[in-house]
Amino acid sequence: MFVVNLGKAWTTHAVTLWGVKFGDDGLIDTLYMVDNNDGRYDARGTIRTMKVRYLPYSDNNPELYPYVPNSLGDFTIRIESLCTLSLGREWIN
């Protein structure tokens, strides 16, 4: 799961990440994800392949952060954090 900031208001939203593809530079260039808010009426479906671009965090902070496109194709959705879960093997007998 990762958390993204959406739009100019920078509200947060969590989505499920199930894979990545690395570019020749060693950075992630594609995300394979599912967004549970995209229901059966969305023509794009719920399983997505999202290109990643590395852009400045803000006008005042030039540090590069990963961004994915919104539904219009603009790279305005900044990835803020990545949360991982264990496989839970320590609880399996």
N, C-alpha and C. Protein backbone atom coordinates (compact mmCIF):
# COMPACT_ATOMS: atom_id res chain seq x y z
N MET A 1 0.84 -1.16 0.00
CA MET A 1 0.00 0.00 0.00
C MET A 1 0.89 1.23 0.00
N PHE A 2 0.48 2.24 -0.70
CA PHE A 2 1.19 3.50 -0.61
C PHE A 2 0.20 4.64 -0.51
N VAL A 3 0.66 5.75 0.02
CA VAL A 3 -0.18 6.91 0.25
C VAL A 3 0.20 7.99 -0.74
N VAL A 4 -0.80 8.58 -1.37
CA VAL A 4 -0.56 9.64 -2.34
C VAL A 4 -1.24 10.91 -1.88
N ASN A 5 -0.73 12.04 -2.33
CA ASN A 5 -1.36 13.33 -2.11
C ASN A 5 -2.03 13.75 -3.41
N LEU A 6 -3.26 14.19 -3.31
CA LEU A 6 -4.05 14.48 -4.50
C LEU A 6 -4.32 15.97 -4.64
N GLY A 7 -4.04 16.52 -5.80
CA GLY A 7 -4.42 17.87 -6.15
C GLY A 7 -3.77 18.95 -5.32
N LYS A 8 -4.23 20.17 -5.51
CA LYS A 8 -3.64 21.32 -4.83
C LYS A 8 -3.94 21.33 -3.34
N ALA A 9 -5.02 20.68 -2.92
CA ALA A 9 -5.36 20.64 -1.50
C ALA A 9 -4.51 19.61 -0.76
N TRP A 10 -3.80 18.74 -1.50
CA TRP A 10 -2.93 17.70 -0.95
C TRP A 10 -3.65 16.83 0.08
N THR A 11 -4.83 16.35 -0.30
CA THR A 11 -5.51 15.39 0.55
C THR A 11 -4.89 14.02 0.31
N THR A 12 -4.95 13.14 1.29
CA THR A 12 -4.31 11.83 1.14
C THR A 12 -5.31 10.76 0.76
N HIS A 13 -4.78 9.71 0.14
CA HIS A 13 -5.57 8.58 -0.32
C HIS A 13 -4.65 7.37 -0.40
N ALA A 14 -5.08 6.24 0.09
CA ALA A 14 -4.26 5.03 0.06
C ALA A 14 -4.72 4.11 -1.07
N VAL A 15 -3.77 3.50 -1.74
CA VAL A 15 -4.05 2.53 -2.80
C VAL A 15 -3.15 1.31 -2.60
N THR A 16 -3.45 0.22 -3.27
CA THR A 16 -2.69 -1.01 -3.12
C THR A 16 -1.69 -1.16 -4.26
N LEU A 17 -0.45 -1.32 -3.90
CA LEU A 17 0.64 -1.52 -4.85
C LEU A 17 0.95 -3.02 -4.89
N TRP A 18 0.97 -3.62 -6.09
CA TRP A 18 1.26 -5.05 -6.17
C TRP A 18 2.48 -5.36 -7.03
N GLY A 19 3.12 -4.36 -7.56
CA GLY A 19 4.34 -4.60 -8.32
C GLY A 19 4.92 -3.32 -8.87
N VAL A 20 6.19 -3.40 -9.27
CA VAL A 20 6.88 -2.26 -9.88
C VAL A 20 7.77 -2.76 -11.01
N LYS A 21 8.14 -1.84 -11.89
CA LYS A 21 9.13 -2.11 -12.93
C LYS A 21 10.20 -1.06 -12.79
N PHE A 22 11.46 -1.50 -12.86
CA PHE A 22 12.58 -0.58 -12.73
C PHE A 22 13.10 -0.19 -14.11
N GLY A 23 13.52 1.07 -14.23
CA GLY A 23 14.13 1.56 -15.46
C GLY A 23 15.61 1.24 -15.48
N ASP A 24 16.27 1.57 -16.57
CA ASP A 24 17.71 1.34 -16.71
C ASP A 24 18.53 2.10 -15.68
N ASP A 25 17.97 3.18 -15.14
CA ASP A 25 18.68 3.98 -14.14
C ASP A 25 18.55 3.42 -12.72
N GLY A 26 17.78 2.32 -12.57
CA GLY A 26 17.59 1.70 -11.27
C GLY A 26 16.44 2.27 -10.47
N LEU A 27 15.76 3.29 -11.00
CA LEU A 27 14.61 3.87 -10.32
C LEU A 27 13.32 3.23 -10.82
N ILE A 28 12.31 3.24 -10.00
CA ILE A 28 11.00 2.71 -10.42
C ILE A 28 10.44 3.61 -11.51
N ASP A 29 10.03 3.00 -12.63
CA ASP A 29 9.42 3.81 -13.69
C ASP A 29 7.97 3.43 -13.96
N THR A 30 7.50 2.32 -13.39
CA THR A 30 6.11 1.90 -13.58
C THR A 30 5.61 1.25 -12.29
N LEU A 31 4.38 1.60 -11.90
CA LEU A 31 3.71 0.96 -10.77
C LEU A 31 2.57 0.11 -11.28
N TYR A 32 2.37 -1.02 -10.66
CA TYR A 32 1.20 -1.86 -10.90
C TYR A 32 0.37 -1.76 -9.64
N MET A 33 -0.83 -1.23 -9.74
CA MET A 33 -1.60 -0.90 -8.55
C MET A 33 -3.09 -1.13 -8.75
N VAL A 34 -3.79 -1.13 -7.64
CA VAL A 34 -5.25 -1.23 -7.62
C VAL A 34 -5.76 -0.10 -6.75
N ASP A 35 -6.76 0.63 -7.24
CA ASP A 35 -7.38 1.69 -6.47
C ASP A 35 -8.83 1.29 -6.21
N ASN A 36 -9.14 1.01 -4.95
CA ASN A 36 -10.48 0.52 -4.63
C ASN A 36 -11.57 1.56 -4.87
N ASN A 37 -11.22 2.82 -5.04
CA ASN A 37 -12.24 3.84 -5.31
C ASN A 37 -12.68 3.84 -6.77
N ASP A 38 -11.96 3.15 -7.63
CA ASP A 38 -12.31 3.10 -9.04
C ASP A 38 -13.20 1.90 -9.28
N GLY A 39 -14.47 2.13 -9.29
CA GLY A 39 -15.45 1.05 -9.39
C GLY A 39 -15.65 0.51 -10.77
N ARG A 40 -16.63 -0.31 -10.89
CA ARG A 40 -16.90 -0.99 -12.16
C ARG A 40 -17.33 -0.05 -13.27
N TYR A 41 -17.65 1.20 -12.93
CA TYR A 41 -18.09 2.15 -13.94
C TYR A 41 -16.95 2.95 -14.55
N ASP A 42 -15.75 2.79 -14.03
CA ASP A 42 -14.58 3.49 -14.56
C ASP A 42 -14.05 2.71 -15.75
N ALA A 43 -13.97 3.34 -16.91
CA ALA A 43 -13.53 2.66 -18.14
C ALA A 43 -12.10 2.14 -18.04
N ARG A 44 -11.29 2.73 -17.14
CA ARG A 44 -9.91 2.28 -16.97
C ARG A 44 -9.82 1.01 -16.12
N GLY A 45 -10.91 0.64 -15.44
CA GLY A 45 -10.88 -0.52 -14.57
C GLY A 45 -10.22 -0.21 -13.24
N THR A 46 -10.04 -1.22 -12.41
CA THR A 46 -9.45 -1.00 -11.09
C THR A 46 -7.98 -1.35 -11.04
N ILE A 47 -7.51 -2.22 -11.92
CA ILE A 47 -6.09 -2.59 -11.96
C ILE A 47 -5.41 -1.66 -12.95
N ARG A 48 -4.35 -0.98 -12.48
CA ARG A 48 -3.71 0.04 -13.29
C ARG A 48 -2.22 -0.20 -13.46
N THR A 49 -1.71 0.21 -14.59
CA THR A 49 -0.27 0.34 -14.81
C THR A 49 -0.03 1.84 -14.90
N MET A 50 0.75 2.36 -13.95
CA MET A 50 0.96 3.80 -13.87
C MET A 50 2.43 4.15 -14.09
N LYS A 51 2.70 5.02 -15.05
CA LYS A 51 4.06 5.51 -15.25
C LYS A 51 4.43 6.42 -14.09
N VAL A 52 5.71 6.47 -13.77
CA VAL A 52 6.20 7.31 -12.67
C VAL A 52 7.16 8.35 -13.25
N ARG A 53 7.02 9.59 -12.77
CA ARG A 53 7.97 10.65 -13.09
C ARG A 53 8.50 11.20 -11.77
N TYR A 54 9.75 11.62 -11.78
CA TYR A 54 10.37 12.21 -10.59
C TYR A 54 10.44 13.71 -10.80
N LEU A 55 9.68 14.43 -9.98
CA LEU A 55 9.54 15.88 -10.10
C LEU A 55 9.86 16.54 -8.76
N PRO A 56 10.17 17.86 -8.77
CA PRO A 56 10.43 18.55 -7.51
C PRO A 56 9.23 18.45 -6.56
N TYR A 57 9.55 18.34 -5.27
CA TYR A 57 8.50 18.24 -4.24
C TYR A 57 7.56 19.44 -4.29
N SER A 58 8.13 20.62 -4.45
CA SER A 58 7.32 21.85 -4.54
C SER A 58 8.17 22.94 -5.18
N ASP A 59 7.57 24.10 -5.36
CA ASP A 59 8.32 25.23 -5.91
C ASP A 59 9.46 25.64 -4.98
N ASN A 60 9.27 25.42 -3.68
CA ASN A 60 10.27 25.84 -2.68
C ASN A 60 11.24 24.72 -2.31
N ASN A 61 10.96 23.50 -2.72
CA ASN A 61 11.80 22.35 -2.36
C ASN A 61 12.13 21.56 -3.63
N PRO A 62 13.37 21.65 -4.13
CA PRO A 62 13.73 21.01 -5.39
C PRO A 62 13.98 19.50 -5.29
N GLU A 63 13.90 18.92 -4.08
CA GLU A 63 14.13 17.48 -3.93
C GLU A 63 13.12 16.71 -4.77
N LEU A 64 13.61 15.70 -5.49
CA LEU A 64 12.74 14.95 -6.40
C LEU A 64 11.91 13.91 -5.64
N TYR A 65 10.63 13.82 -6.01
CA TYR A 65 9.71 12.83 -5.46
C TYR A 65 9.02 12.12 -6.62
N PRO A 66 8.56 10.89 -6.40
CA PRO A 66 7.82 10.20 -7.46
C PRO A 66 6.39 10.71 -7.56
N TYR A 67 5.95 10.91 -8.79
CA TYR A 67 4.58 11.33 -9.09
C TYR A 67 3.98 10.37 -10.10
N VAL A 68 2.66 10.17 -10.01
CA VAL A 68 1.91 9.39 -11.00
C VAL A 68 0.83 10.30 -11.58
N PRO A 69 0.32 9.96 -12.77
CA PRO A 69 -0.66 10.85 -13.41
C PRO A 69 -2.05 10.74 -12.81
N ASN A 70 -2.79 11.84 -12.90
CA ASN A 70 -4.21 11.81 -12.54
C ASN A 70 -4.99 11.28 -13.75
N SER A 71 -6.30 11.30 -13.67
CA SER A 71 -7.13 10.73 -14.75
C SER A 71 -7.00 11.51 -16.06
N LEU A 72 -6.48 12.74 -16.01
CA LEU A 72 -6.27 13.54 -17.21
C LEU A 72 -4.88 13.35 -17.81
N GLY A 73 -4.03 12.57 -17.10
CA GLY A 73 -2.68 12.34 -17.59
C GLY A 73 -1.64 13.32 -17.07
N ASP A 74 -2.07 14.24 -16.20
CA ASP A 74 -1.13 15.20 -15.61
C ASP A 74 -0.46 14.57 -14.40
N PHE A 75 0.85 14.74 -14.27
CA PHE A 75 1.59 14.14 -13.16
C PHE A 75 1.49 15.04 -11.93
N THR A 76 0.33 15.00 -11.27
CA THR A 76 0.06 15.84 -10.11
C THR A 76 -0.09 15.05 -8.82
N ILE A 77 -0.06 13.73 -8.88
CA ILE A 77 -0.27 12.91 -7.68
C ILE A 77 1.09 12.48 -7.15
N ARG A 78 1.46 13.04 -6.00
CA ARG A 78 2.76 12.77 -5.40
C ARG A 78 2.66 11.59 -4.45
N ILE A 79 3.58 10.62 -4.59
CA ILE A 79 3.62 9.49 -3.67
C ILE A 79 4.36 9.94 -2.41
N GLU A 80 3.71 9.81 -1.28
CA GLU A 80 4.26 10.30 -0.02
C GLU A 80 4.92 9.21 0.81
N SER A 81 4.35 8.03 0.85
CA SER A 81 4.92 6.99 1.70
C SER A 81 4.54 5.61 1.18
N LEU A 82 5.30 4.63 1.65
CA LEU A 82 5.06 3.24 1.30
C LEU A 82 4.93 2.46 2.60
N CYS A 83 3.84 1.74 2.75
CA CYS A 83 3.60 0.93 3.94
C CYS A 83 3.65 -0.54 3.53
N THR A 84 4.44 -1.32 4.24
CA THR A 84 4.55 -2.73 3.90
C THR A 84 3.96 -3.59 5.01
N LEU A 85 3.54 -4.77 4.65
CA LEU A 85 2.99 -5.73 5.61
C LEU A 85 3.79 -7.01 5.55
N SER A 86 3.89 -7.69 6.67
CA SER A 86 4.60 -8.97 6.66
C SER A 86 3.66 -10.04 6.09
N LEU A 87 4.23 -11.19 5.81
CA LEU A 87 3.43 -12.32 5.35
C LEU A 87 2.69 -13.00 6.49
N GLY A 88 3.01 -12.63 7.72
CA GLY A 88 2.34 -13.19 8.89
C GLY A 88 2.79 -14.59 9.26
N ARG A 89 3.93 -15.00 8.74
CA ARG A 89 4.40 -16.37 9.00
C ARG A 89 4.63 -16.64 10.48
N GLU A 90 4.91 -15.60 11.25
CA GLU A 90 5.15 -15.83 12.68
C GLU A 90 3.88 -16.26 13.42
N TRP A 91 2.71 -16.09 12.83
CA TRP A 91 1.46 -16.49 13.47
C TRP A 91 0.90 -17.80 12.91
N ILE A 92 1.55 -18.38 11.93
CA ILE A 92 1.08 -19.63 11.33
C ILE A 92 1.74 -20.80 12.04
N ASN A 93 0.94 -21.76 12.50
CA ASN A 93 1.47 -22.96 13.17
C ASN A 93 1.81 -24.04 12.17
